[in-house]
Protein backbone atom coordinates (compact mmCIF):
# COMPACT_ATOMS: atom_id res chain seq x y z
CA UNK A 1 79.69 103.53 111.44
CA UNK A 2 83.45 103.59 111.55
CA UNK A 3 85.51 103.84 114.71
CA UNK A 4 89.06 104.23 116.00
CA UNK A 5 90.06 100.93 117.61
CA UNK A 6 93.56 101.82 118.77
CA UNK A 7 96.01 104.71 118.84
CA UNK A 8 99.64 105.37 119.42
CA UNK A 9 102.24 108.08 119.92
CA UNK A 10 105.19 106.40 118.26
CA UNK A 11 108.83 107.21 117.51
CA UNK A 12 110.04 106.93 113.93
CA UNK A 13 113.65 107.88 114.79
CA UNK A 14 116.16 106.98 112.00
CA UNK A 15 118.15 104.79 114.40
CA UNK A 16 115.57 102.07 114.10
CA UNK A 17 116.41 101.54 110.45
CA UNK A 18 120.13 100.84 111.08
CA UNK A 19 121.51 97.35 111.39
CA UNK A 20 121.65 96.01 114.91
CA UNK A 21 125.44 96.01 114.83
CA UNK A 22 125.50 99.71 114.11
CA UNK A 23 122.76 100.50 116.67
CA UNK A 24 124.86 98.76 119.33
CA UNK A 25 128.04 100.61 118.29
CA UNK A 26 126.26 103.91 118.80
CA UNK A 27 124.78 102.81 122.16
CA UNK A 28 127.71 101.44 124.15
CA UNK A 29 127.04 97.85 123.10
CA UNK A 30 123.31 97.90 123.96
CA UNK A 31 120.41 97.94 121.47
CA UNK A 32 117.76 100.60 121.49
CA UNK A 33 114.46 99.52 123.11
CA UNK A 34 112.63 101.25 120.22
CA UNK A 35 113.19 98.34 117.85
CA UNK A 36 112.07 95.66 120.26
CA UNK A 37 109.09 97.86 121.17
CA UNK A 38 107.84 98.06 117.62
CA UNK A 39 108.33 94.29 117.18
CA UNK A 40 106.29 93.67 120.31
CA UNK A 41 103.66 96.20 119.19
CA UNK A 42 103.39 94.31 115.91
CA UNK A 43 102.93 90.93 117.65
CA UNK A 44 100.60 92.12 120.38
CA UNK A 45 98.42 94.65 118.49
CA UNK A 46 98.84 94.86 114.73
CA UNK A 47 98.88 91.13 114.13
CA UNK A 48 95.85 90.49 116.43
CA UNK A 49 93.53 93.49 116.43
CA UNK A 50 90.61 93.72 114.01
CA UNK A 51 91.17 96.84 111.91
CA UNK A 52 91.05 97.95 108.26
CA UNK A 53 93.16 101.09 107.90
CA UNK A 54 96.08 102.78 109.57
CA UNK A 55 96.17 106.59 109.49
CA UNK A 56 99.65 108.11 110.15
CA UNK A 57 99.78 111.67 111.51
CA UNK A 58 103.16 112.36 109.92
CA UNK A 59 105.22 114.99 111.74
CA UNK A 60 107.78 115.08 108.92
CA UNK A 61 105.37 116.02 106.21
CA UNK A 62 105.03 119.81 106.34
CA UNK A 63 102.34 121.45 104.27
CA UNK A 64 101.62 125.27 104.17
CA UNK A 65 98.13 126.37 103.18
CA UNK A 66 96.03 123.31 104.08
CA UNK A 67 96.19 119.87 105.59
CA UNK A 68 96.75 117.09 103.00
CA UNK A 69 95.66 113.46 103.24
CA UNK A 70 97.03 110.83 100.84
CA UNK A 71 94.31 109.37 98.57
CA UNK A 72 96.16 106.96 96.36
CA UNK A 73 94.74 103.51 95.83
CA UNK A 74 98.19 102.01 96.34
CA UNK A 75 101.67 103.19 97.18
CA UNK A 76 104.90 101.33 96.41
CA UNK A 77 108.52 102.13 95.75
CA UNK A 78 111.92 102.57 97.31
CA UNK A 79 112.57 105.31 99.82
CA UNK A 80 115.82 107.10 100.37
CA UNK A 81 115.86 109.93 102.84
CA UNK A 82 117.16 113.30 101.68
CA UNK A 83 118.02 113.98 105.31
CA UNK A 84 119.88 110.79 106.18
CA UNK A 85 120.56 108.79 103.03
CA UNK A 86 123.41 106.87 104.70
CA UNK A 87 121.07 105.27 107.15
CA UNK A 88 117.78 105.15 105.28
CA UNK A 89 118.58 104.06 101.74
CA UNK A 90 116.33 102.25 99.22
CA UNK A 91 113.85 101.08 101.83
CA UNK A 92 111.03 99.21 100.06
CA UNK A 93 107.42 100.02 100.85
CA UNK A 94 104.27 98.55 99.34
CA UNK A 95 100.77 98.97 100.70
CA UNK A 96 97.14 99.69 99.64
CA UNK A 97 95.74 103.14 100.30
CA UNK A 98 92.22 104.10 101.28
CA UNK A 99 90.79 106.76 98.93
CA UNK A 100 87.25 106.38 100.34
CA UNK A 101 88.47 107.24 103.82
CA UNK A 102 90.71 110.04 102.64
CA UNK A 103 87.84 111.76 100.83
CA UNK A 104 85.56 111.20 103.78
CA UNK A 105 88.00 112.95 106.12
CA UNK A 106 88.48 115.85 103.64
CA UNK A 107 84.72 116.26 103.25
CA UNK A 108 84.43 117.22 106.98
CA UNK A 109 87.10 119.95 106.87
CA UNK A 110 84.87 122.84 106.07
CA UNK A 111 82.34 121.96 108.77
CA UNK A 112 85.17 121.83 111.26
CA UNK A 113 86.54 125.19 110.21
CA UNK A 114 89.65 124.02 108.43
CA UNK A 115 91.03 123.02 105.01
CA UNK A 116 91.83 119.39 104.05
CA UNK A 117 92.67 118.29 100.53
CA UNK A 118 92.94 114.61 99.41
CA UNK A 119 95.79 114.04 96.96
CA UNK A 120 95.95 110.93 94.80
CA UNK A 121 99.19 111.81 92.86
CA UNK A 122 101.43 108.79 92.81
CA UNK A 123 104.43 111.12 92.54
CA UNK A 124 103.69 112.65 95.93
CA UNK A 125 106.78 112.03 98.11
CA UNK A 126 106.53 109.81 101.08
CA UNK A 127 108.38 110.61 104.35
CA UNK A 128 110.20 108.40 106.81
CA UNK A 129 107.76 109.15 109.67
CA UNK A 130 105.41 106.95 107.63
CA UNK A 131 107.85 104.49 105.98
CA UNK A 132 109.77 103.57 109.15
CA UNK A 133 106.60 102.69 111.03
CA UNK A 134 105.16 100.74 108.08
CA UNK A 135 108.50 98.83 107.86
CA UNK A 136 107.83 97.36 111.34
CA UNK A 137 104.05 97.50 111.62
CA UNK A 138 102.77 97.02 108.11
CA UNK A 139 100.51 93.95 107.85
CA UNK A 140 99.85 92.60 104.33
CA UNK A 141 96.49 93.76 103.00
CA UNK A 142 95.96 96.55 105.58
CA UNK A 143 95.40 100.00 104.18
CA UNK A 144 97.70 102.85 105.13
CA UNK A 145 97.17 106.66 104.58
CA UNK A 146 99.06 109.62 105.93
CA UNK A 147 98.06 113.17 106.95
CA UNK A 148 100.72 115.91 107.00
CA UNK A 149 101.16 118.62 109.59
CA UNK A 150 100.50 122.15 108.36
CA UNK A 151 103.33 124.53 109.31
CA UNK A 152 101.00 127.55 109.52
CA UNK A 153 98.57 125.76 111.87
CA UNK A 154 98.26 126.51 115.53
CA UNK A 155 97.00 124.28 118.38
CA UNK A 156 93.36 124.90 117.55
CA UNK A 157 93.90 124.16 113.86
CA UNK A 158 95.46 120.82 114.78
CA UNK A 159 92.56 119.96 117.06
CA UNK A 160 90.13 120.88 114.26
CA UNK A 161 91.88 118.46 111.94
CA UNK A 162 91.51 115.76 114.52
CA UNK A 163 87.80 116.50 114.81
CA UNK A 164 87.37 116.25 111.04
CA UNK A 165 89.45 113.07 111.13
CA UNK A 166 87.03 111.54 113.63
CA UNK A 167 84.00 112.64 111.62
CA UNK A 168 85.37 111.13 108.39
CA UNK A 169 86.08 107.82 110.14
CA UNK A 170 82.60 107.78 111.67
CA UNK A 171 81.07 108.34 108.18
CA UNK A 172 82.61 105.14 106.84
CA UNK A 173 82.59 101.53 107.86
CA UNK A 174 86.31 101.55 108.72
CA UNK A 175 87.97 100.26 111.87
CA UNK A 176 91.03 102.52 112.14
CA UNK A 177 94.31 102.64 113.97
CA UNK A 178 95.73 106.21 114.51
CA UNK A 179 99.46 106.71 114.72
CA UNK A 180 100.87 109.99 115.84
CA UNK A 181 104.36 109.61 114.39
CA UNK A 182 106.83 111.84 116.11
CA UNK A 183 108.97 112.70 119.14
CA UNK A 184 108.45 114.56 122.38
CA UNK A 185 111.03 117.35 123.01
CA UNK A 186 113.03 117.86 119.85
CA UNK A 187 116.23 119.85 120.03
CA UNK A 188 119.29 118.39 118.38
CA UNK A 189 122.82 118.72 119.66
CA UNK A 190 125.00 120.98 117.43
CA UNK A 191 127.01 119.06 114.80
CA UNK A 192 130.42 119.41 116.53
CA UNK A 193 128.89 118.00 119.78
CA UNK A 194 126.41 115.56 118.30
CA UNK A 195 128.58 112.49 118.12
CA UNK A 196 129.18 112.55 121.87
CA UNK A 197 125.42 112.23 122.38
CA UNK A 198 124.33 109.37 120.12
CA UNK A 199 123.70 106.82 122.92
CA UNK A 200 120.09 106.35 124.08
CA UNK A 201 120.55 107.32 127.77
CA UNK A 202 118.42 110.18 128.97
CA UNK A 203 121.46 111.97 130.20
CA UNK A 204 122.00 112.87 126.49
CA UNK A 205 118.64 114.62 126.15
CA UNK A 206 119.44 118.22 125.20
CA UNK A 207 118.64 119.60 128.64
CA UNK A 208 117.59 118.04 131.96
CA UNK A 209 114.57 120.32 131.88
CA UNK A 210 113.47 118.87 128.53
CA UNK A 211 113.84 115.35 129.87
CA UNK A 212 111.80 116.25 132.99
CA UNK A 213 109.00 117.73 130.81
CA UNK A 214 108.94 114.66 128.61
CA UNK A 215 108.85 112.27 131.54
CA UNK A 216 106.02 114.26 133.16
CA UNK A 217 103.94 113.88 130.00
CA UNK A 218 104.71 110.22 129.79
CA UNK A 219 103.31 109.85 133.32
CA UNK A 220 100.22 111.83 132.37
CA UNK A 221 99.74 109.65 129.31
CA UNK A 222 99.99 106.60 131.54
CA UNK A 223 97.25 107.96 133.76
CA UNK A 224 95.07 108.99 130.81
CA UNK A 225 95.34 112.64 131.87
CA UNK A 226 95.24 114.11 128.35
CA UNK A 227 93.50 117.20 129.67
CA UNK A 228 96.71 118.05 131.60
CA UNK A 229 98.85 117.48 128.55
CA UNK A 230 96.64 119.84 126.52
CA UNK A 231 96.38 122.43 129.25
CA UNK A 232 100.12 122.65 129.65
CA UNK A 233 101.01 123.00 125.97
CA UNK A 234 102.29 126.56 126.51
CA UNK A 235 104.88 125.20 128.97
CA UNK A 236 105.82 122.25 126.73
CA UNK A 237 106.40 124.46 123.71
CA UNK A 238 109.47 125.83 125.51
CA UNK A 239 111.11 122.47 124.79
CA UNK A 240 110.31 122.48 121.10
CA UNK A 241 108.28 119.27 120.73
CA UNK A 242 108.58 117.85 117.24
CA UNK A 243 106.34 119.69 114.71
CA UNK A 244 104.95 121.73 117.61
CA UNK A 245 103.44 118.44 118.92
CA UNK A 246 100.96 118.63 116.02
CA UNK A 247 100.86 114.89 115.60
CA UNK A 248 99.70 114.44 119.22
CA UNK A 249 97.29 117.41 119.00
CA UNK A 250 95.60 115.89 115.90
CA UNK A 251 95.35 112.59 117.73
CA UNK A 252 93.77 114.27 120.70
CA UNK A 253 91.33 116.14 118.51
CA UNK A 254 90.15 112.85 117.05
CA UNK A 255 89.78 111.08 120.43
CA UNK A 256 87.93 113.64 122.51
CA UNK A 257 90.58 116.25 123.51
CA UNK A 258 90.26 117.01 127.25
CA UNK A 259 87.57 114.31 127.56
CA UNK A 260 89.98 111.62 126.25
CA UNK A 261 90.68 109.41 129.23
CA UNK A 262 92.40 106.39 127.77
CA UNK A 263 95.66 105.47 129.58
CA UNK A 264 98.78 104.71 127.53
CA UNK A 265 101.16 101.84 127.97
CA UNK A 266 104.87 102.05 127.12
CA UNK A 267 106.29 99.80 124.41
CA UNK A 268 109.81 101.17 124.91
CA UNK A 269 111.92 102.95 127.42
CA UNK A 270 112.16 106.76 127.25
CA UNK A 271 115.26 107.29 125.12
CA UNK A 272 117.48 109.98 123.71
CA UNK A 273 118.14 110.47 119.97
CA UNK A 274 120.86 113.08 119.56
CA UNK A 275 119.14 115.39 122.02
CA UNK A 276 115.46 114.53 121.32
CA UNK A 277 113.02 112.59 123.51
CA UNK A 278 111.65 109.38 122.05
CA UNK A 279 109.16 106.70 123.23
CA UNK A 280 106.42 104.39 121.99
CA UNK A 281 103.17 104.86 123.86
CA UNK A 282 100.04 102.81 122.91
CA UNK A 283 96.45 103.64 123.83
CA UNK A 284 94.00 100.76 123.76
CA UNK A 285 90.39 101.62 123.19
CA UNK A 286 88.51 101.27 126.55
CA UNK A 287 85.36 99.25 126.61
CA UNK A 288 83.53 102.45 127.60
CA UNK A 289 85.00 104.40 124.64
CA UNK A 290 87.86 106.88 124.35
CA UNK A 291 86.14 109.42 126.63
CA UNK A 292 84.64 106.86 129.00
CA UNK A 293 81.18 108.02 128.13
CA UNK A 294 79.74 104.85 126.64
CA UNK A 295 80.67 101.82 124.58
């Protein structure tokens, strides 16, 4: 029986792919903590934990009529972002996929009241919410697959995807890491104002209210109070979390929703990225399980 052995809410912000010299130029001579955080996460977790497959809940991959999970046996190539080709240009990626797990996840969609399709097409585009994390966290030989967010899905749909994801993992022998790849509040500064807000200080978050909402949720994550995060989603939606916070909702659906009790630990400071709220938060699997109801 498969299981989730670790999970994270991680930032994929394009700044992490810039040279250190450029990062410091944008940040008043200091480096972002997001890069060092991923490097520490690699050393402390990805290089040491026993796992088979990483599943990325990719907030940049928007589907429309169904959830889609990648089912290629292998993915390799060079990635250039259509959004930011100056900063993310010809980034190499090369990793095995996990078709068995992808099909197992999709097989549980109907029972969970949703639609999930595995796609093995090697021409399927890859997005930087996956590539940027693999660049720092990809361990040779470990399988990686991605699941997109569905732009017509609501909160309940995203939770249903998470439930099917958990069922699919349980139906295999896989030990899995789940990565919710995306931001907290997510409003960009307008173009003519943007370059005055490229530094990482939280005074550059789009509004003080958005920063306060993000920091509240970071505190709740730290306390393992996922029920409160879920119960206050209507309030948080006012601050436009990335992809409607679908990446986190899918993660919560897979780990027990309001019964999910695992506390998170920060692997970065809370930072700005041109108005948006960014942080790396890692959830270790408790000895008593994700909901504290047994090993």
